[in-house]
Amino acid sequence: MKHDNDTIVRDIRIATGAVTAACIASLAATAKYLFHFCIDTQWKRSVFHQSLIAPERIEKLQQGEAKEAGEWFSQAKQPVTITSDDGLRLHGWLFDPDCTAPKPHLYAICMHGYTGVPEETAKWAHRYARMGFTVLVPSQRAQDLSEGRYVGMGWLERNDLLNWIDLIVSSDPD
């Protein structure tokens, strides 16, 4: 009888171990898929290569104020670059005030969204430029012209934003 109980306990342990290993493997595979899907800009099946987020984005950029601002954006932009703390070359666009009475020492930084591109901020950048602000529109890491493969979901970008601010302060300490 003792021998049968030992066999049953051993079989239960083996089955539990096998189920646990299968669950861990399944969890690891799911995590890897989600990682690439959500933050890998170069993976062909990632969210960055699909129209899952804001599928009407292109249509909205070609209407009304957004269309006018987009044309202004492409004509008035001046390229600027910085190097991130981890060595990536990040690109951005600088815009001079677009009014007759520019305000000195006033800056606006317009950041695009998670799967966006700098051109999506054209409407807001144009509004600030018309109010007399100098406007900076960075391209976040791994997107548009900026180097990198993975977006940082805001964690890495917070330091990048501080570096963009340092660029502004170094050119205009006031």
N, C-alpha and C. Protein backbone atom coordinates (compact mmCIF):
# COMPACT_ATOMS: atom_id res chain seq x y z
N MET A 1 0.82 -1.19 0.00
CA MET A 1 0.00 0.00 0.00
C MET A 1 0.86 1.25 0.00
N LYS A 2 1.93 1.26 0.80
CA LYS A 2 2.84 2.39 0.87
C LYS A 2 3.44 2.66 -0.50
N HIS A 3 3.78 1.62 -1.20
CA HIS A 3 4.39 1.75 -2.52
C HIS A 3 3.42 2.42 -3.50
N ASP A 4 2.15 2.10 -3.44
CA ASP A 4 1.16 2.69 -4.34
C ASP A 4 0.97 4.18 -4.05
N ASN A 5 0.96 4.57 -2.78
CA ASN A 5 0.83 5.98 -2.42
C ASN A 5 2.04 6.77 -2.90
N ASP A 6 3.22 6.21 -2.77
CA ASP A 6 4.44 6.88 -3.25
C ASP A 6 4.39 7.08 -4.76
N THR A 7 3.89 6.11 -5.46
CA THR A 7 3.78 6.20 -6.92
C THR A 7 2.77 7.28 -7.31
N ILE A 8 1.67 7.33 -6.60
CA ILE A 8 0.64 8.34 -6.88
C ILE A 8 1.18 9.75 -6.61
N VAL A 9 1.84 9.93 -5.49
CA VAL A 9 2.42 11.22 -5.14
C VAL A 9 3.47 11.63 -6.18
N ARG A 10 4.30 10.66 -6.58
CA ARG A 10 5.32 10.94 -7.60
C ARG A 10 4.67 11.34 -8.92
N ASP A 11 3.64 10.64 -9.33
CA ASP A 11 2.94 10.95 -10.58
C ASP A 11 2.29 12.33 -10.51
N ILE A 12 1.71 12.68 -9.35
CA ILE A 12 1.10 14.00 -9.18
C ILE A 12 2.17 15.08 -9.27
N ARG A 13 3.32 14.85 -8.64
CA ARG A 13 4.41 15.82 -8.71
C ARG A 13 4.90 16.00 -10.15
N ILE A 14 5.03 14.92 -10.87
CA ILE A 14 5.48 14.99 -12.27
C ILE A 14 4.45 15.76 -13.11
N ALA A 15 3.19 15.42 -12.92
CA ALA A 15 2.13 16.11 -13.68
C ALA A 15 2.09 17.59 -13.33
N THR A 16 2.20 17.91 -12.04
CA THR A 16 2.20 19.32 -11.61
C THR A 16 3.40 20.05 -12.19
N GLY A 17 4.56 19.41 -12.17
CA GLY A 17 5.76 20.01 -12.75
C GLY A 17 5.61 20.24 -14.25
N ALA A 18 5.03 19.29 -14.94
CA ALA A 18 4.84 19.42 -16.38
C ALA A 18 3.85 20.55 -16.71
N VAL A 19 2.76 20.62 -15.95
CA VAL A 19 1.77 21.68 -16.17
C VAL A 19 2.39 23.04 -15.85
N THR A 20 3.15 23.10 -14.77
CA THR A 20 3.81 24.36 -14.40
C THR A 20 4.79 24.79 -15.47
N ALA A 21 5.59 23.86 -15.96
CA ALA A 21 6.56 24.17 -17.03
C ALA A 21 5.84 24.64 -18.29
N ALA A 22 4.72 24.00 -18.63
CA ALA A 22 3.96 24.42 -19.82
C ALA A 22 3.38 25.81 -19.63
N CYS A 23 2.88 26.10 -18.43
CA CYS A 23 2.34 27.43 -18.15
C CYS A 23 3.42 28.49 -18.22
N ILE A 24 4.59 28.20 -17.66
CA ILE A 24 5.69 29.16 -17.71
C ILE A 24 6.15 29.39 -19.14
N ALA A 25 6.25 28.33 -19.92
CA ALA A 25 6.65 28.46 -21.33
C ALA A 25 5.63 29.28 -22.10
N SER A 26 4.35 29.02 -21.84
CA SER A 26 3.29 29.77 -22.51
C SER A 26 3.33 31.25 -22.11
N LEU A 27 3.54 31.51 -20.84
CA LEU A 27 3.64 32.88 -20.35
C LEU A 27 4.84 33.60 -20.96
N ALA A 28 5.97 32.91 -21.03
CA ALA A 28 7.18 33.51 -21.62
C ALA A 28 6.97 33.82 -23.10
N ALA A 29 6.33 32.92 -23.83
CA ALA A 29 6.08 33.15 -25.25
C ALA A 29 5.12 34.32 -25.45
N THR A 30 4.10 34.40 -24.61
CA THR A 30 3.14 35.51 -24.69
C THR A 30 3.82 36.83 -24.37
N ALA A 31 4.65 36.84 -23.33
CA ALA A 31 5.37 38.06 -22.95
C ALA A 31 6.30 38.52 -24.07
N LYS A 32 6.99 37.57 -24.69
CA LYS A 32 7.90 37.93 -25.78
C LYS A 32 7.11 38.52 -26.96
N TYR A 33 5.99 37.90 -27.29
CA TYR A 33 5.15 38.41 -28.38
C TYR A 33 4.67 39.82 -28.06
N LEU A 34 4.14 40.03 -26.86
CA LEU A 34 3.62 41.35 -26.49
C LEU A 34 4.73 42.39 -26.46
N PHE A 35 5.90 42.01 -25.99
CA PHE A 35 7.04 42.93 -25.98
C PHE A 35 7.32 43.43 -27.39
N HIS A 36 7.47 42.51 -28.33
CA HIS A 36 7.75 42.91 -29.72
C HIS A 36 6.58 43.66 -30.34
N PHE A 37 5.37 43.22 -30.05
CA PHE A 37 4.18 43.86 -30.62
C PHE A 37 4.06 45.30 -30.15
N CYS A 38 4.36 45.56 -28.87
CA CYS A 38 4.11 46.87 -28.29
C CYS A 38 5.25 47.87 -28.41
N ILE A 39 6.52 47.43 -28.38
CA ILE A 39 7.59 48.42 -28.34
C ILE A 39 8.70 48.22 -29.37
N ASP A 40 8.66 47.18 -30.17
CA ASP A 40 9.69 46.94 -31.18
C ASP A 40 9.26 47.58 -32.50
N THR A 41 9.84 48.72 -32.83
CA THR A 41 9.43 49.45 -34.03
C THR A 41 9.87 48.78 -35.32
N GLN A 42 10.80 47.83 -35.24
CA GLN A 42 11.30 47.19 -36.45
C GLN A 42 10.68 45.82 -36.70
N TRP A 43 9.91 45.30 -35.77
CA TRP A 43 9.26 44.00 -35.97
C TRP A 43 8.09 44.20 -36.91
N LYS A 44 8.02 43.41 -37.97
CA LYS A 44 7.03 43.66 -39.02
C LYS A 44 5.57 43.53 -38.57
N ARG A 45 5.30 42.82 -37.47
CA ARG A 45 3.93 42.67 -37.01
C ARG A 45 3.62 43.53 -35.79
N SER A 46 4.49 44.50 -35.50
CA SER A 46 4.25 45.35 -34.33
C SER A 46 3.14 46.36 -34.60
N VAL A 47 2.70 46.99 -33.53
CA VAL A 47 1.64 47.99 -33.62
C VAL A 47 2.08 49.16 -34.50
N PHE A 48 3.38 49.36 -34.66
CA PHE A 48 3.90 50.47 -35.45
C PHE A 48 3.72 50.25 -36.95
N HIS A 49 3.43 49.04 -37.36
CA HIS A 49 3.24 48.74 -38.78
C HIS A 49 1.80 48.40 -39.11
N GLN A 50 0.90 48.70 -38.20
CA GLN A 50 -0.51 48.43 -38.41
C GLN A 50 -1.31 49.68 -38.08
N SER A 51 -2.50 49.73 -38.54
CA SER A 51 -3.36 50.88 -38.26
C SER A 51 -4.32 50.57 -37.12
N LEU A 52 -3.78 50.04 -36.03
CA LEU A 52 -4.63 49.69 -34.89
C LEU A 52 -4.94 50.90 -34.02
N ILE A 53 -3.96 51.79 -33.88
CA ILE A 53 -4.14 52.98 -33.06
C ILE A 53 -4.42 54.14 -34.00
N ALA A 54 -5.55 54.79 -33.83
CA ALA A 54 -5.96 55.94 -34.64
C ALA A 54 -5.89 55.63 -36.14
N PRO A 55 -6.67 54.69 -36.62
CA PRO A 55 -6.62 54.34 -38.04
C PRO A 55 -6.99 55.49 -38.97
N GLU A 56 -7.74 56.47 -38.46
CA GLU A 56 -8.14 57.61 -39.28
C GLU A 56 -7.11 58.74 -39.23
N ARG A 57 -5.94 58.47 -38.68
CA ARG A 57 -4.89 59.46 -38.47
C ARG A 57 -4.54 60.23 -39.75
N ILE A 58 -4.31 59.55 -40.83
CA ILE A 58 -3.90 60.20 -42.08
C ILE A 58 -5.00 61.11 -42.60
N GLU A 59 -6.24 60.65 -42.52
CA GLU A 59 -7.36 61.49 -42.97
C GLU A 59 -7.44 62.79 -42.18
N LYS A 60 -7.25 62.70 -40.86
CA LYS A 60 -7.33 63.89 -40.01
C LYS A 60 -6.22 64.88 -40.32
N LEU A 61 -5.05 64.38 -40.73
CA LEU A 61 -3.93 65.27 -41.03
C LEU A 61 -4.11 66.00 -42.37
N GLN A 62 -5.08 65.59 -43.16
CA GLN A 62 -5.28 66.18 -44.48
C GLN A 62 -6.55 67.03 -44.54
N GLN A 63 -7.02 67.50 -43.40
CA GLN A 63 -8.25 68.29 -43.37
C GLN A 63 -8.06 69.57 -42.57
N GLY A 64 -8.67 70.64 -43.04
CA GLY A 64 -8.78 71.90 -42.31
C GLY A 64 -7.47 72.46 -41.79
N GLU A 65 -7.50 72.85 -40.51
CA GLU A 65 -6.34 73.47 -39.88
C GLU A 65 -5.12 72.54 -39.89
N ALA A 66 -5.36 71.25 -39.73
CA ALA A 66 -4.25 70.29 -39.72
C ALA A 66 -3.54 70.26 -41.07
N LYS A 67 -4.28 70.40 -42.15
CA LYS A 67 -3.66 70.41 -43.48
C LYS A 67 -2.80 71.66 -43.66
N GLU A 68 -3.33 72.81 -43.30
CA GLU A 68 -2.58 74.06 -43.39
C GLU A 68 -1.32 74.00 -42.51
N ALA A 69 -1.49 73.50 -41.29
CA ALA A 69 -0.35 73.39 -40.38
C ALA A 69 0.68 72.40 -40.89
N GLY A 70 0.22 71.33 -41.53
CA GLY A 70 1.14 70.34 -42.11
C GLY A 70 2.00 70.94 -43.21
N GLU A 71 1.38 71.77 -44.03
CA GLU A 71 2.15 72.46 -45.09
C GLU A 71 3.16 73.42 -44.47
N TRP A 72 2.74 74.17 -43.45
CA TRP A 72 3.66 75.06 -42.74
C TRP A 72 4.80 74.25 -42.12
N PHE A 73 4.47 73.13 -41.52
CA PHE A 73 5.46 72.28 -40.86
C PHE A 73 6.54 71.85 -41.84
N SER A 74 6.14 71.38 -43.01
CA SER A 74 7.12 70.88 -43.98
C SER A 74 7.98 72.00 -44.57
N GLN A 75 7.46 73.21 -44.63
CA GLN A 75 8.21 74.33 -45.20
C GLN A 75 9.11 75.02 -44.18
N ALA A 76 8.67 75.13 -42.93
CA ALA A 76 9.36 75.95 -41.94
C ALA A 76 10.32 75.18 -41.04
N LYS A 77 10.31 73.87 -41.10
CA LYS A 77 11.10 73.09 -40.14
C LYS A 77 12.60 73.23 -40.37
N GLN A 78 13.31 73.27 -39.26
CA GLN A 78 14.78 73.33 -39.27
C GLN A 78 15.27 72.13 -38.47
N PRO A 79 16.09 71.27 -39.06
CA PRO A 79 16.51 70.06 -38.34
C PRO A 79 17.48 70.36 -37.20
N VAL A 80 17.30 69.64 -36.09
CA VAL A 80 18.21 69.68 -34.96
C VAL A 80 18.40 68.25 -34.47
N THR A 81 19.55 67.98 -33.88
CA THR A 81 19.81 66.64 -33.34
C THR A 81 20.48 66.74 -31.98
N ILE A 82 20.28 65.71 -31.20
CA ILE A 82 20.99 65.54 -29.94
C ILE A 82 21.41 64.07 -29.85
N THR A 83 22.25 63.78 -28.88
CA THR A 83 22.62 62.40 -28.60
C THR A 83 22.03 62.04 -27.24
N SER A 84 21.31 60.93 -27.20
CA SER A 84 20.68 60.50 -25.95
C SER A 84 21.74 60.00 -24.97
N ASP A 85 21.34 59.80 -23.73
CA ASP A 85 22.27 59.32 -22.71
C ASP A 85 22.83 57.94 -23.05
N ASP A 86 22.08 57.15 -23.82
CA ASP A 86 22.57 55.83 -24.20
C ASP A 86 23.14 55.80 -25.62
N GLY A 87 23.47 56.98 -26.17
CA GLY A 87 24.22 57.06 -27.42
C GLY A 87 23.42 57.08 -28.70
N LEU A 88 22.11 57.20 -28.63
CA LEU A 88 21.30 57.24 -29.85
C LEU A 88 21.24 58.68 -30.38
N ARG A 89 21.25 58.80 -31.69
CA ARG A 89 21.11 60.12 -32.31
C ARG A 89 19.62 60.37 -32.51
N LEU A 90 19.14 61.41 -31.83
CA LEU A 90 17.71 61.76 -31.89
C LEU A 90 17.54 63.01 -32.72
N HIS A 91 16.54 62.99 -33.59
CA HIS A 91 16.27 64.11 -34.49
C HIS A 91 15.04 64.87 -34.01
N GLY A 92 15.01 66.12 -34.37
CA GLY A 92 13.85 66.95 -34.07
C GLY A 92 13.78 68.10 -35.06
N TRP A 93 12.74 68.89 -34.93
CA TRP A 93 12.52 70.03 -35.82
C TRP A 93 12.32 71.27 -34.97
N LEU A 94 12.97 72.34 -35.35
CA LEU A 94 12.86 73.61 -34.65
C LEU A 94 12.11 74.58 -35.56
N PHE A 95 11.22 75.37 -34.97
CA PHE A 95 10.43 76.34 -35.72
C PHE A 95 10.57 77.70 -35.07
N ASP A 96 10.90 78.70 -35.88
CA ASP A 96 10.97 80.07 -35.39
C ASP A 96 9.55 80.59 -35.21
N PRO A 97 9.39 81.61 -34.37
CA PRO A 97 8.05 82.20 -34.20
C PRO A 97 7.49 82.66 -35.55
N ASP A 98 6.22 82.43 -35.75
CA ASP A 98 5.56 82.72 -37.02
C ASP A 98 4.58 83.88 -36.82
N CYS A 99 5.12 85.03 -36.38
CA CYS A 99 4.27 86.19 -36.15
C CYS A 99 5.13 87.45 -36.26
N THR A 100 4.49 88.60 -36.28
CA THR A 100 5.23 89.86 -36.44
C THR A 100 5.89 90.31 -35.15
N ALA A 101 5.40 89.85 -34.01
CA ALA A 101 5.98 90.27 -32.73
C ALA A 101 6.38 89.04 -31.92
N PRO A 102 7.50 88.37 -32.28
CA PRO A 102 7.89 87.17 -31.54
C PRO A 102 8.26 87.52 -30.09
N LYS A 103 7.98 86.57 -29.21
CA LYS A 103 8.28 86.76 -27.79
C LYS A 103 9.64 86.13 -27.50
N PRO A 104 10.57 86.92 -26.95
CA PRO A 104 11.89 86.35 -26.68
C PRO A 104 11.85 85.37 -25.50
N HIS A 105 12.66 84.36 -25.59
CA HIS A 105 12.88 83.39 -24.51
C HIS A 105 11.66 82.55 -24.17
N LEU A 106 10.72 82.42 -25.09
CA LEU A 106 9.56 81.55 -24.87
C LEU A 106 9.65 80.36 -25.82
N TYR A 107 9.54 79.17 -25.26
CA TYR A 107 9.67 77.95 -26.04
C TYR A 107 8.52 77.01 -25.74
N ALA A 108 8.13 76.27 -26.73
CA ALA A 108 7.15 75.20 -26.56
C ALA A 108 7.76 73.94 -27.15
N ILE A 109 7.58 72.84 -26.47
CA ILE A 109 8.03 71.54 -26.98
C ILE A 109 6.78 70.71 -27.21
N CYS A 110 6.59 70.27 -28.44
CA CYS A 110 5.42 69.46 -28.80
C CYS A 110 5.89 68.02 -29.05
N MET A 111 5.45 67.12 -28.20
CA MET A 111 5.85 65.71 -28.30
C MET A 111 4.73 64.91 -28.96
N HIS A 112 5.12 64.06 -29.91
CA HIS A 112 4.12 63.18 -30.53
C HIS A 112 3.86 61.98 -29.65
N GLY A 113 2.82 61.26 -29.98
CA GLY A 113 2.39 60.13 -29.16
C GLY A 113 3.16 58.85 -29.40
N TYR A 114 2.73 57.84 -28.73
CA TYR A 114 3.35 56.52 -28.67
C TYR A 114 3.68 55.94 -30.05
N THR A 115 2.75 55.93 -30.96
CA THR A 115 3.01 55.39 -32.29
C THR A 115 3.04 56.50 -33.34
N GLY A 116 3.15 57.73 -32.91
CA GLY A 116 3.05 58.86 -33.81
C GLY A 116 4.35 59.27 -34.46
N VAL A 117 4.25 60.37 -35.20
CA VAL A 117 5.39 61.00 -35.85
C VAL A 117 5.30 62.50 -35.60
N PRO A 118 6.42 63.22 -35.71
CA PRO A 118 6.40 64.65 -35.41
C PRO A 118 5.36 65.44 -36.19
N GLU A 119 5.08 65.08 -37.42
CA GLU A 119 4.12 65.83 -38.24
C GLU A 119 2.73 65.87 -37.61
N GLU A 120 2.42 64.91 -36.76
CA GLU A 120 1.11 64.90 -36.11
C GLU A 120 0.94 66.07 -35.14
N THR A 121 2.03 66.67 -34.70
CA THR A 121 1.94 67.80 -33.78
C THR A 121 1.93 69.13 -34.51
N ALA A 122 1.89 69.11 -35.82
CA ALA A 122 1.98 70.34 -36.62
C ALA A 122 0.94 71.37 -36.21
N LYS A 123 -0.29 70.93 -35.98
CA LYS A 123 -1.36 71.87 -35.63
C LYS A 123 -1.02 72.63 -34.36
N TRP A 124 -0.54 71.94 -33.33
CA TRP A 124 -0.21 72.59 -32.07
C TRP A 124 1.08 73.42 -32.20
N ALA A 125 2.05 72.89 -32.91
CA ALA A 125 3.30 73.64 -33.12
C ALA A 125 3.01 74.95 -33.85
N HIS A 126 2.15 74.88 -34.86
CA HIS A 126 1.81 76.08 -35.62
C HIS A 126 1.08 77.10 -34.74
N ARG A 127 0.19 76.64 -33.88
CA ARG A 127 -0.52 77.55 -32.97
C ARG A 127 0.47 78.27 -32.05
N TYR A 128 1.40 77.52 -31.47
CA TYR A 128 2.40 78.14 -30.59
C TYR A 128 3.29 79.11 -31.36
N ALA A 129 3.69 78.74 -32.56
CA ALA A 129 4.55 79.63 -33.37
C ALA A 129 3.82 80.93 -33.70
N ARG A 130 2.52 80.86 -33.98
CA ARG A 130 1.74 82.07 -34.26
C ARG A 130 1.60 82.95 -33.02
N MET A 131 1.69 82.35 -31.84
CA MET A 131 1.63 83.13 -30.60
C MET A 131 2.99 83.73 -30.23
N GLY A 132 4.02 83.43 -31.02
CA GLY A 132 5.34 84.02 -30.77
C GLY A 132 6.35 83.10 -30.11
N PHE A 133 6.01 81.84 -29.92
CA PHE A 133 6.93 80.89 -29.31
C PHE A 133 7.90 80.33 -30.34
N THR A 134 9.10 80.00 -29.91
CA THR A 134 9.98 79.14 -30.69
C THR A 134 9.56 77.72 -30.33
N VAL A 135 9.37 76.88 -31.33
CA VAL A 135 8.79 75.56 -31.08
C VAL A 135 9.80 74.47 -31.44
N LEU A 136 9.91 73.49 -30.57
CA LEU A 136 10.73 72.30 -30.82
C LEU A 136 9.81 71.09 -30.89
N VAL A 137 9.96 70.30 -31.96
CA VAL A 137 9.18 69.09 -32.13
C VAL A 137 10.15 67.91 -32.28
N PRO A 138 10.44 67.23 -31.17
CA PRO A 138 11.35 66.09 -31.24
C PRO A 138 10.69 64.86 -31.85
N SER A 139 11.51 64.07 -32.50
CA SER A 139 11.10 62.75 -32.95
C SER A 139 11.59 61.78 -31.88
N GLN A 140 10.67 61.09 -31.25
CA GLN A 140 11.07 60.24 -30.14
C GLN A 140 11.89 59.05 -30.61
N ARG A 141 12.62 58.48 -29.69
CA ARG A 141 13.52 57.38 -30.01
C ARG A 141 12.81 56.26 -30.75
N ALA A 142 13.52 55.69 -31.71
CA ALA A 142 13.05 54.57 -32.52
C ALA A 142 11.90 54.93 -33.46
N GLN A 143 11.63 56.22 -33.61
CA GLN A 143 10.54 56.63 -34.48
C GLN A 143 11.02 57.71 -35.43
N ASP A 144 10.43 57.75 -36.61
CA ASP A 144 10.78 58.72 -37.64
C ASP A 144 12.27 58.64 -37.92
N LEU A 145 13.00 59.74 -37.82
CA LEU A 145 14.43 59.75 -38.15
C LEU A 145 15.34 59.41 -36.97
N SER A 146 14.79 59.32 -35.78
CA SER A 146 15.60 59.04 -34.59
C SER A 146 16.03 57.58 -34.55
N GLU A 147 17.23 57.37 -34.02
CA GLU A 147 17.77 56.02 -33.93
C GLU A 147 17.11 55.23 -32.81
N GLY A 148 17.32 53.93 -32.84
CA GLY A 148 16.82 53.03 -31.82
C GLY A 148 15.85 52.03 -32.40
N ARG A 149 15.63 50.97 -31.66
CA ARG A 149 14.70 49.94 -32.11
C ARG A 149 13.45 49.89 -31.24
N TYR A 150 13.61 50.20 -29.96
CA TYR A 150 12.50 50.05 -29.01
C TYR A 150 12.08 51.40 -28.46
N VAL A 151 10.77 51.59 -28.34
CA VAL A 151 10.27 52.78 -27.65
C VAL A 151 10.35 52.48 -26.15
N GLY A 152 10.51 53.51 -25.37
CA GLY A 152 10.68 53.32 -23.93
C GLY A 152 9.40 53.51 -23.14
N MET A 153 8.28 53.69 -23.80
CA MET A 153 6.99 53.87 -23.13
C MET A 153 7.03 55.02 -22.13
N GLY A 154 7.84 56.04 -22.43
CA GLY A 154 7.93 57.21 -21.57
C GLY A 154 9.08 57.17 -20.59
N TRP A 155 9.53 55.98 -20.23
CA TRP A 155 10.59 55.86 -19.23
C TRP A 155 11.92 56.39 -19.76
N LEU A 156 12.34 55.96 -20.92
CA LEU A 156 13.59 56.45 -21.51
C LEU A 156 13.41 57.85 -22.09
N GLU A 157 12.23 58.11 -22.59
CA GLU A 157 11.95 59.39 -23.23
C GLU A 157 11.99 60.56 -22.25
N ARG A 158 11.78 60.29 -20.97
CA ARG A 158 11.82 61.37 -19.98
C ARG A 158 13.21 61.99 -19.94
N ASN A 159 14.24 61.15 -20.05
CA ASN A 159 15.61 61.66 -20.09
C ASN A 159 15.91 62.34 -21.42
N ASP A 160 15.35 61.81 -22.49
CA ASP A 160 15.53 62.45 -23.80
C ASP A 160 14.94 63.86 -23.78
N LEU A 161 13.79 64.00 -23.16
CA LEU A 161 13.14 65.31 -23.07
C LEU A 161 14.01 66.29 -22.28
N LEU A 162 14.62 65.82 -21.21
CA LEU A 162 15.54 66.68 -20.46
C LEU A 162 16.73 67.11 -21.33
N ASN A 163 17.20 66.22 -22.18
CA ASN A 163 18.29 66.57 -23.09
C ASN A 163 17.85 67.60 -24.13
N TRP A 164 16.60 67.50 -24.59
CA TRP A 164 16.07 68.51 -25.51
C TRP A 164 15.98 69.87 -24.81
N ILE A 165 15.57 69.85 -23.56
CA ILE A 165 15.50 71.10 -22.79
C ILE A 165 16.90 71.68 -22.62
N ASP A 166 17.89 70.82 -22.37
CA ASP A 166 19.28 71.29 -22.26
C ASP A 166 19.74 71.95 -23.56
N LEU A 167 19.29 71.42 -24.71
CA LEU A 167 19.63 72.03 -26.00
C LEU A 167 19.09 73.45 -26.07
N ILE A 168 17.86 73.64 -25.65
CA ILE A 168 17.24 74.97 -25.67
C ILE A 168 18.00 75.90 -24.72
N VAL A 169 18.26 75.45 -23.51
CA VAL A 169 18.93 76.29 -22.52
C VAL A 169 20.36 76.63 -22.96
N SER A 170 21.04 75.72 -23.61
CA SER A 170 22.40 76.02 -24.07
C SER A 170 22.41 77.06 -25.18
N SER A 171 21.33 77.12 -25.96
CA SER A 171 21.28 78.12 -27.03
C SER A 171 20.68 79.44 -26.55
N ASP A 172 19.92 79.42 -25.44
CA ASP A 172 19.31 80.63 -24.90
C ASP A 172 19.23 80.51 -23.38
N PRO A 173 20.32 80.89 -22.68
CA PRO A 173 20.36 80.73 -21.22
C PRO A 173 19.29 81.55 -20.49
N ASP A 174 18.74 82.57 -21.12
CA ASP A 174 17.70 83.38 -20.46
C ASP A 174 16.35 82.70 -20.52
